[in-house]
Amino acid sequence: MAKMPKEFTSADPAMYLAALKNTIPMYSETGKMDPKGADAVLAVFSEGSPDVAKANIDVGKTFTNKFVEQAKTTGMNAK
């Protein structure tokens, strides 16, 4: 929270911190996206957008973990 711009946190720091703590569990510790998570994102967007709902989106074709896997072997932290 201390690294965020003050305009994000200054209105109500306690509320911002509570919101931040509540969202942290949704982030992947490995950087990979679980296919169930992708399905959930599509479901949420489908609820709010009729265009998305009727688009027949194949979630398996819309994301990949290839970048994360490649970064493990070629990135700064590669062994």
PDB file of N, CA and C in Angstrom:
ATOM      1  N   MET A   1       0.820  -1.180   0.000  1.00  0.00           N
ATOM      2  CA  MET A   1       0.000   0.000   0.000  1.00  0.00           C
ATOM      3  C   MET A   1       0.871   1.253   0.000  1.00  0.00           C
ATOM      4  N   ALA A   2       1.993   1.205   0.689  1.00  0.00           N
ATOM      5  CA  ALA A   2       2.879   2.366   0.778  1.00  0.00           C
ATOM      6  C   ALA A   2       3.476   2.730  -0.580  1.00  0.00           C
ATOM      7  N   LYS A   3       3.513   1.792  -1.500  1.00  0.00           N
ATOM      8  CA  LYS A   3       4.082   2.044  -2.825  1.00  0.00           C
ATOM      9  C   LYS A   3       3.068   2.594  -3.819  1.00  0.00           C
ATOM     10  N   MET A   4       1.812   2.639  -3.419  1.00  0.00           N
ATOM     11  CA  MET A   4       0.759   3.135  -4.314  1.00  0.00           C
ATOM     12  C   MET A   4       0.739   4.656  -4.301  1.00  0.00           C
ATOM     13  N   PRO A   5       0.320   5.268  -5.424  1.00  0.00           N
ATOM     14  CA  PRO A   5       0.177   6.728  -5.442  1.00  0.00           C
ATOM     15  C   PRO A   5      -0.822   7.181  -4.378  1.00  0.00           C
ATOM     16  N   LYS A   6      -0.540   8.288  -3.729  1.00  0.00           N
ATOM     17  CA  LYS A   6      -1.384   8.776  -2.633  1.00  0.00           C
ATOM     18  C   LYS A   6      -2.826   9.015  -3.068  1.00  0.00           C
ATOM     19  N   GLU A   7      -3.045   9.390  -4.338  1.00  0.00           N
ATOM     20  CA  GLU A   7      -4.425   9.625  -4.778  1.00  0.00           C
ATOM     21  C   GLU A   7      -5.259   8.345  -4.747  1.00  0.00           C
ATOM     22  N   PHE A   8      -4.639   7.187  -4.709  1.00  0.00           N
ATOM     23  CA  PHE A   8      -5.369   5.923  -4.600  1.00  0.00           C
ATOM     24  C   PHE A   8      -5.759   5.623  -3.156  1.00  0.00           C
ATOM     25  N   THR A   9      -4.951   6.064  -2.217  1.00  0.00           N
ATOM     26  CA  THR A   9      -5.125   5.632  -0.834  1.00  0.00           C
ATOM     27  C   THR A   9      -5.547   6.726   0.133  1.00  0.00           C
ATOM     28  N   SER A  10      -5.409   7.990  -0.236  1.00  0.00           N
ATOM     29  CA  SER A  10      -5.578   9.062   0.735  1.00  0.00           C
ATOM     30  C   SER A  10      -7.024   9.319   1.155  1.00  0.00           C
ATOM     31  N   ALA A  11      -8.004   9.027   0.319  1.00  0.00           N
ATOM     32  CA  ALA A  11      -9.397   9.313   0.677  1.00  0.00           C
ATOM     33  C   ALA A  11      -9.823   8.549   1.936  1.00  0.00           C
ATOM     34  N   ASP A  12      -9.486   7.276   2.004  1.00  0.00           N
ATOM     35  CA  ASP A  12      -9.823   6.454   3.167  1.00  0.00           C
ATOM     36  C   ASP A  12      -8.804   5.313   3.251  1.00  0.00           C
ATOM     37  N   PRO A  13      -7.655   5.583   3.838  1.00  0.00           N
ATOM     38  CA  PRO A  13      -6.590   4.573   3.893  1.00  0.00           C
ATOM     39  C   PRO A  13      -7.016   3.240   4.505  1.00  0.00           C
ATOM     40  N   ALA A  14      -7.846   3.284   5.543  1.00  0.00           N
ATOM     41  CA  ALA A  14      -8.278   2.037   6.190  1.00  0.00           C
ATOM     42  C   ALA A  14      -9.122   1.207   5.235  1.00  0.00           C
ATOM     43  N   MET A  15     -10.008   1.859   4.481  1.00  0.00           N
ATOM     44  CA  MET A  15     -10.835   1.131   3.522  1.00  0.00           C
ATOM     45  C   MET A  15      -9.984   0.578   2.382  1.00  0.00           C
ATOM     46  N   TYR A  16      -9.028   1.368   1.920  1.00  0.00           N
ATOM     47  CA  TYR A  16      -8.145   0.897   0.851  1.00  0.00           C
ATOM     48  C   TYR A  16      -7.367  -0.338   1.313  1.00  0.00           C
ATOM     49  N   LEU A  17      -6.834  -0.284   2.516  1.00  0.00           N
ATOM     50  CA  LEU A  17      -6.077  -1.416   3.048  1.00  0.00           C
ATOM     51  C   LEU A  17      -6.957  -2.651   3.185  1.00  0.00           C
ATOM     52  N   ALA A  18      -8.168  -2.491   3.658  1.00  0.00           N
ATOM     53  CA  ALA A  18      -9.085  -3.622   3.789  1.00  0.00           C
ATOM     54  C   ALA A  18      -9.391  -4.224   2.422  1.00  0.00           C
ATOM     55  N   ALA A  19      -9.630  -3.364   1.430  1.00  0.00           N
ATOM     56  CA  ALA A  19      -9.897  -3.853   0.077  1.00  0.00           C
ATOM     57  C   ALA A  19      -8.684  -4.585  -0.480  1.00  0.00           C
ATOM     58  N   LEU A  20      -7.509  -4.040  -0.251  1.00  0.00           N
ATOM     59  CA  LEU A  20      -6.279  -4.678  -0.722  1.00  0.00           C
ATOM     60  C   LEU A  20      -6.102  -6.057  -0.093  1.00  0.00           C
ATOM     61  N   LYS A  21      -6.304  -6.149   1.192  1.00  0.00           N
ATOM     62  CA  LYS A  21      -6.173  -7.434   1.881  1.00  0.00           C
ATOM     63  C   LYS A  21      -7.186  -8.454   1.370  1.00  0.00           C
ATOM     64  N   ASN A  22      -8.373  -7.991   1.003  1.00  0.00           N
ATOM     65  CA  ASN A  22      -9.407  -8.896   0.498  1.00  0.00           C
ATOM     66  C   ASN A  22      -9.135  -9.374  -0.920  1.00  0.00           C
ATOM     67  N   THR A  23      -8.360  -8.622  -1.683  1.00  0.00           N
ATOM     68  CA  THR A  23      -8.096  -9.017  -3.074  1.00  0.00           C
ATOM     69  C   THR A  23      -6.816  -9.823  -3.240  1.00  0.00           C
ATOM     70  N   ILE A  24      -5.913  -9.744  -2.294  1.00  0.00           N
ATOM     71  CA  ILE A  24      -4.636 -10.447  -2.422  1.00  0.00           C
ATOM     72  C   ILE A  24      -4.806 -11.947  -2.702  1.00  0.00           C
ATOM     73  N   PRO A  25      -5.748 -12.648  -2.062  1.00  0.00           N
ATOM     74  CA  PRO A  25      -5.874 -14.089  -2.333  1.00  0.00           C
ATOM     75  C   PRO A  25      -6.239 -14.437  -3.776  1.00  0.00           C
ATOM     76  N   MET A  26      -6.761 -13.494  -4.539  1.00  0.00           N
ATOM     77  CA  MET A  26      -7.138 -13.828  -5.907  1.00  0.00           C
ATOM     78  C   MET A  26      -5.946 -13.824  -6.869  1.00  0.00           C
ATOM     79  N   TYR A  27      -4.810 -13.334  -6.420  1.00  0.00           N
ATOM     80  CA  TYR A  27      -3.630 -13.304  -7.286  1.00  0.00           C
ATOM     81  C   TYR A  27      -2.849 -14.610  -7.169  1.00  0.00           C
ATOM     82  N   SER A  28      -2.343 -15.057  -8.279  1.00  0.00           N
ATOM     83  CA  SER A  28      -1.568 -16.287  -8.328  1.00  0.00           C
ATOM     84  C   SER A  28      -0.184 -16.060  -7.745  1.00  0.00           C
ATOM     85  N   GLU A  29       0.266 -16.974  -6.921  1.00  0.00           N
ATOM     86  CA  GLU A  29       1.619 -16.890  -6.369  1.00  0.00           C
ATOM     87  C   GLU A  29       2.661 -17.333  -7.390  1.00  0.00           C
ATOM     88  N   THR A  30       2.238 -18.062  -8.407  1.00  0.00           N
ATOM     89  CA  THR A  30       3.163 -18.565  -9.413  1.00  0.00           C
ATOM     90  C   THR A  30       3.149 -17.751 -10.701  1.00  0.00           C
ATOM     91  N   GLY A  31       2.161 -16.881 -10.851  1.00  0.00           N
ATOM     92  CA  GLY A  31       2.010 -16.120 -12.083  1.00  0.00           C
ATOM     93  C   GLY A  31       1.141 -16.825 -13.104  1.00  0.00           C
ATOM     94  N   LYS A  32       0.821 -18.084 -12.850  1.00  0.00           N
ATOM     95  CA  LYS A  32      -0.010 -18.852 -13.774  1.00  0.00           C
ATOM     96  C   LYS A  32      -1.489 -18.588 -13.508  1.00  0.00           C
ATOM     97  N   MET A  33      -2.277 -18.669 -14.574  1.00  0.00           N
ATOM     98  CA  MET A  33      -3.720 -18.553 -14.430  1.00  0.00           C
ATOM     99  C   MET A  33      -4.323 -19.952 -14.460  1.00  0.00           C
ATOM    100  N   ASP A  34      -5.151 -20.225 -13.480  1.00  0.00           N
ATOM    101  CA  ASP A  34      -5.880 -21.483 -13.430  1.00  0.00           C
ATOM    102  C   ASP A  34      -7.030 -21.393 -14.442  1.00  0.00           C
ATOM    103  N   PRO A  35      -7.235 -22.417 -15.247  1.00  0.00           N
ATOM    104  CA  PRO A  35      -8.352 -22.379 -16.204  1.00  0.00           C
ATOM    105  C   PRO A  35      -9.698 -22.081 -15.539  1.00  0.00           C
ATOM    106  N   LYS A  36      -9.885 -22.513 -14.303  1.00  0.00           N
ATOM    107  CA  LYS A  36     -11.126 -22.204 -13.592  1.00  0.00           C
ATOM    108  C   LYS A  36     -11.257 -20.697 -13.358  1.00  0.00           C
ATOM    109  N   GLY A  37     -10.132 -20.041 -13.140  1.00  0.00           N
ATOM    110  CA  GLY A  37     -10.142 -18.592 -12.971  1.00  0.00           C
ATOM    111  C   GLY A  37     -10.543 -17.897 -14.248  1.00  0.00           C
ATOM    112  N   ALA A  38     -10.040 -18.390 -15.377  1.00  0.00           N
ATOM    113  CA  ALA A  38     -10.416 -17.820 -16.673  1.00  0.00           C
ATOM    114  C   ALA A  38     -11.907 -18.008 -16.929  1.00  0.00           C
ATOM    115  N   ASP A  39     -12.427 -19.163 -16.573  1.00  0.00           N
ATOM    116  CA  ASP A  39     -13.872 -19.411 -16.712  1.00  0.00           C
ATOM    117  C   ASP A  39     -14.669 -18.428 -15.854  1.00  0.00           C
ATOM    118  N   ALA A  40     -14.169 -18.156 -14.650  1.00  0.00           N
ATOM    119  CA  ALA A  40     -14.864 -17.236 -13.747  1.00  0.00           C
ATOM    120  C   ALA A  40     -14.867 -15.817 -14.312  1.00  0.00           C
ATOM    121  N   VAL A  41     -13.748 -15.396 -14.884  1.00  0.00           N
ATOM    122  CA  VAL A  41     -13.677 -14.062 -15.487  1.00  0.00           C
ATOM    123  C   VAL A  41     -14.683 -13.952 -16.629  1.00  0.00           C
ATOM    124  N   LEU A  42     -14.740 -14.970 -17.476  1.00  0.00           N
ATOM    125  CA  LEU A  42     -15.698 -14.952 -18.572  1.00  0.00           C
ATOM    126  C   LEU A  42     -17.135 -14.894 -18.046  1.00  0.00           C
ATOM    127  N   ALA A  43     -17.414 -15.633 -17.002  1.00  0.00           N
ATOM    128  CA  ALA A  43     -18.764 -15.630 -16.428  1.00  0.00           C
ATOM    129  C   ALA A  43     -19.144 -14.243 -15.924  1.00  0.00           C
ATOM    130  N   VAL A  44     -18.214 -13.564 -15.271  1.00  0.00           N
ATOM    131  CA  VAL A  44     -18.485 -12.217 -14.755  1.00  0.00           C
ATOM    132  C   VAL A  44     -18.724 -11.251 -15.907  1.00  0.00           C
ATOM    133  N   PHE A  45     -17.848 -11.282 -16.910  1.00  0.00           N
ATOM    134  CA  PHE A  45     -18.026 -10.389 -18.054  1.00  0.00           C
ATOM    135  C   PHE A  45     -19.307 -10.703 -18.820  1.00  0.00           C
ATOM    136  N   SER A  46     -19.677 -11.967 -18.881  1.00  0.00           N
ATOM    137  CA  SER A  46     -20.906 -12.360 -19.573  1.00  0.00           C
ATOM    138  C   SER A  46     -22.147 -11.796 -18.878  1.00  0.00           C
ATOM    139  N   GLU A  47     -22.091 -11.713 -17.556  1.00  0.00           N
ATOM    140  CA  GLU A  47     -23.214 -11.151 -16.799  1.00  0.00           C
ATOM    141  C   GLU A  47     -23.413  -9.672 -17.122  1.00  0.00           C
ATOM    142  N   GLY A  48     -22.311  -8.967 -17.317  1.00  0.00           N
ATOM    143  CA  GLY A  48     -22.395  -7.528 -17.533  1.00  0.00           C
ATOM    144  C   GLY A  48     -22.469  -7.095 -18.973  1.00  0.00           C
ATOM    145  N   SER A  49     -22.220  -8.005 -19.903  1.00  0.00           N
ATOM    146  CA  SER A  49     -22.203  -7.639 -21.312  1.00  0.00           C
ATOM    147  C   SER A  49     -22.914  -8.683 -22.160  1.00  0.00           C
ATOM    148  N   PRO A  50     -24.043  -8.325 -22.725  1.00  0.00           N
ATOM    149  CA  PRO A  50     -24.749  -9.263 -23.607  1.00  0.00           C
ATOM    150  C   PRO A  50     -23.888  -9.689 -24.804  1.00  0.00           C
ATOM    151  N   ASP A  51     -23.044  -8.782 -25.294  1.00  0.00           N
ATOM    152  CA  ASP A  51     -22.168  -9.123 -26.422  1.00  0.00           C
ATOM    153  C   ASP A  51     -21.189 -10.231 -26.052  1.00  0.00           C
ATOM    154  N   VAL A  52     -20.636 -10.151 -24.858  1.00  0.00           N
ATOM    155  CA  VAL A  52     -19.714 -11.192 -24.404  1.00  0.00           C
ATOM    156  C   VAL A  52     -20.484 -12.492 -24.192  1.00  0.00           C
ATOM    157  N   ALA A  53     -21.653 -12.400 -23.598  1.00  0.00           N
ATOM    158  CA  ALA A  53     -22.455 -13.592 -23.306  1.00  0.00           C
ATOM    159  C   ALA A  53     -22.790 -14.376 -24.570  1.00  0.00           C
ATOM    160  N   LYS A  54     -23.061 -13.687 -25.663  1.00  0.00           N
ATOM    161  CA  LYS A  54     -23.447 -14.384 -26.895  1.00  0.00           C
ATOM    162  C   LYS A  54     -22.273 -14.637 -27.842  1.00  0.00           C
ATOM    163  N   ALA A  55     -21.062 -14.333 -27.425  1.00  0.00           N
ATOM    164  CA  ALA A  55     -19.896 -14.435 -28.299  1.00  0.00           C
ATOM    165  C   ALA A  55     -19.341 -15.850 -28.445  1.00  0.00           C
ATOM    166  N   ASN A  56     -19.813 -16.797 -27.654  1.00  0.00           N
ATOM    167  CA  ASN A  56     -19.302 -18.175 -27.707  1.00  0.00           C
ATOM    168  C   ASN A  56     -17.775 -18.215 -27.612  1.00  0.00           C
ATOM    169  N   ILE A  57     -17.245 -17.604 -26.576  1.00  0.00           N
ATOM    170  CA  ILE A  57     -15.797 -17.510 -26.382  1.00  0.00           C
ATOM    171  C   ILE A  57     -15.259 -18.826 -25.845  1.00  0.00           C
ATOM    172  N   ASP A  58     -14.226 -19.342 -26.490  1.00  0.00           N
ATOM    173  CA  ASP A  58     -13.528 -20.541 -26.038  1.00  0.00           C
ATOM    174  C   ASP A  58     -12.393 -20.076 -25.130  1.00  0.00           C
ATOM    175  N   VAL A  59     -12.617 -20.149 -23.838  1.00  0.00           N
ATOM    176  CA  VAL A  59     -11.654 -19.630 -22.870  1.00  0.00           C
ATOM    177  C   VAL A  59     -10.272 -20.260 -23.056  1.00  0.00           C
ATOM    178  N   GLY A  60     -10.222 -21.500 -23.429  1.00  0.00           N
ATOM    179  CA  GLY A  60      -8.941 -22.174 -23.628  1.00  0.00           C
ATOM    180  C   GLY A  60      -8.099 -21.567 -24.738  1.00  0.00           C
ATOM    181  N   LYS A  61      -8.727 -20.782 -25.599  1.00  0.00           N
ATOM    182  CA  LYS A  61      -7.999 -20.126 -26.693  1.00  0.00           C
ATOM    183  C   LYS A  61      -7.699 -18.656 -26.398  1.00  0.00           C
ATOM    184  N   THR A  62      -8.092 -18.181 -25.230  1.00  0.00           N
ATOM    185  CA  THR A  62      -7.931 -16.755 -24.941  1.00  0.00           C
ATOM    186  C   THR A  62      -6.779 -16.433 -24.002  1.00  0.00           C
ATOM    187  N   PHE A  63      -6.170 -17.429 -23.413  1.00  0.00           N
ATOM    188  CA  PHE A  63      -5.040 -17.167 -22.531  1.00  0.00           C
ATOM    189  C   PHE A  63      -4.084 -18.349 -22.577  1.00  0.00           C
ATOM    190  N   THR A  64      -2.877 -18.102 -22.113  1.00  0.00           N
ATOM    191  CA  THR A  64      -1.874 -19.154 -22.037  1.00  0.00           C
ATOM    192  C   THR A  64      -0.949 -18.862 -20.865  1.00  0.00           C
ATOM    193  N   ASN A  65      -0.364 -19.889 -20.332  1.00  0.00           N
ATOM    194  CA  ASN A  65       0.653 -19.733 -19.297  1.00  0.00           C
ATOM    195  C   ASN A  65       2.057 -19.854 -19.895  1.00  0.00           C
ATOM    196  N   LYS A  66       2.136 -19.842 -21.213  1.00  0.00           N
ATOM    197  CA  LYS A  66       3.413 -20.008 -21.910  1.00  0.00           C
ATOM    198  C   LYS A  66       4.432 -18.949 -21.491  1.00  0.00           C
ATOM    199  N   PHE A  67       4.003 -17.700 -21.376  1.00  0.00           N
ATOM    200  CA  PHE A  67       4.921 -16.637 -20.988  1.00  0.00           C
ATOM    201  C   PHE A  67       5.538 -16.910 -19.625  1.00  0.00           C
ATOM    202  N   VAL A  68       4.724 -17.357 -18.670  1.00  0.00           N
ATOM    203  CA  VAL A  68       5.214 -17.635 -17.321  1.00  0.00           C
ATOM    204  C   VAL A  68       6.223 -18.769 -17.359  1.00  0.00           C
ATOM    205  N   GLU A  69       5.891 -19.820 -18.095  1.00  0.00           N
ATOM    206  CA  GLU A  69       6.813 -20.957 -18.203  1.00  0.00           C
ATOM    207  C   GLU A  69       8.128 -20.531 -18.854  1.00  0.00           C
ATOM    208  N   GLN A  70       8.035 -19.718 -19.891  1.00  0.00           N
ATOM    209  CA  GLN A  70       9.236 -19.261 -20.590  1.00  0.00           C
ATOM    210  C   GLN A  70      10.066 -18.354 -19.688  1.00  0.00           C
ATOM    211  N   ALA A  71       9.417 -17.510 -18.916  1.00  0.00           N
ATOM    212  CA  ALA A  71      10.125 -16.605 -18.013  1.00  0.00           C
ATOM    213  C   ALA A  71      10.890 -17.381 -16.950  1.00  0.00           C
ATOM    214  N   LYS A  72      10.368 -18.527 -16.534  1.00  0.00           N
ATOM    215  CA  LYS A  72      11.065 -19.353 -15.531  1.00  0.00           C
ATOM    216  C   LYS A  72      12.407 -19.838 -16.056  1.00  0.00           C
ATOM    217  N   THR A  73      12.481 -20.107 -17.346  1.00  0.00           N
ATOM    218  CA  THR A  73      13.725 -20.654 -17.889  1.00  0.00           C
ATOM    219  C   THR A  73      14.640 -19.620 -18.512  1.00  0.00           C
ATOM    220  N   THR A  74      14.109 -18.458 -18.847  1.00  0.00           N
ATOM    221  CA  THR A  74      14.944 -17.446 -19.512  1.00  0.00           C
ATOM    222  C   THR A  74      15.029 -16.137 -18.733  1.00  0.00           C
ATOM    223  N   GLY A  75      14.229 -15.993 -17.688  1.00  0.00           N
ATOM    224  CA  GLY A  75      14.165 -14.734 -16.951  1.00  0.00           C
ATOM    225  C   GLY A  75      15.309 -14.541 -15.972  1.00  0.00           C
ATOM    226  N   MET A  76      15.225 -13.461 -15.241  1.00  0.00           N
ATOM    227  CA  MET A  76      16.273 -13.092 -14.285  1.00  0.00           C
ATOM    228  C   MET A  76      16.433 -14.105 -13.170  1.00  0.00           C
ATOM    229  N   ASN A  77      15.368 -14.811 -12.851  1.00  0.00           N
ATOM    230  CA  ASN A  77      15.417 -15.765 -11.744  1.00  0.00           C
ATOM    231  C   ASN A  77      15.686 -17.197 -12.210  1.00  0.00           C
ATOM    232  N   ALA A  78      16.007 -17.368 -13.479  1.00  0.00           N
ATOM    233  CA  ALA A  78      16.261 -18.718 -13.991  1.00  0.00           C
ATOM    234  C   ALA A  78      17.482 -19.309 -13.328  1.00  0.00           C
ATOM    235  N   LYS A  79      17.410 -20.603 -13.086  1.00  0.00           N
ATOM    236  CA  LYS A  79      18.538 -21.306 -12.442  1.00  0.00           C
ATOM    237  C   LYS A  79      19.457 -21.879 -13.483  1.00  0.00           C
TER     238      LYS A  79
END
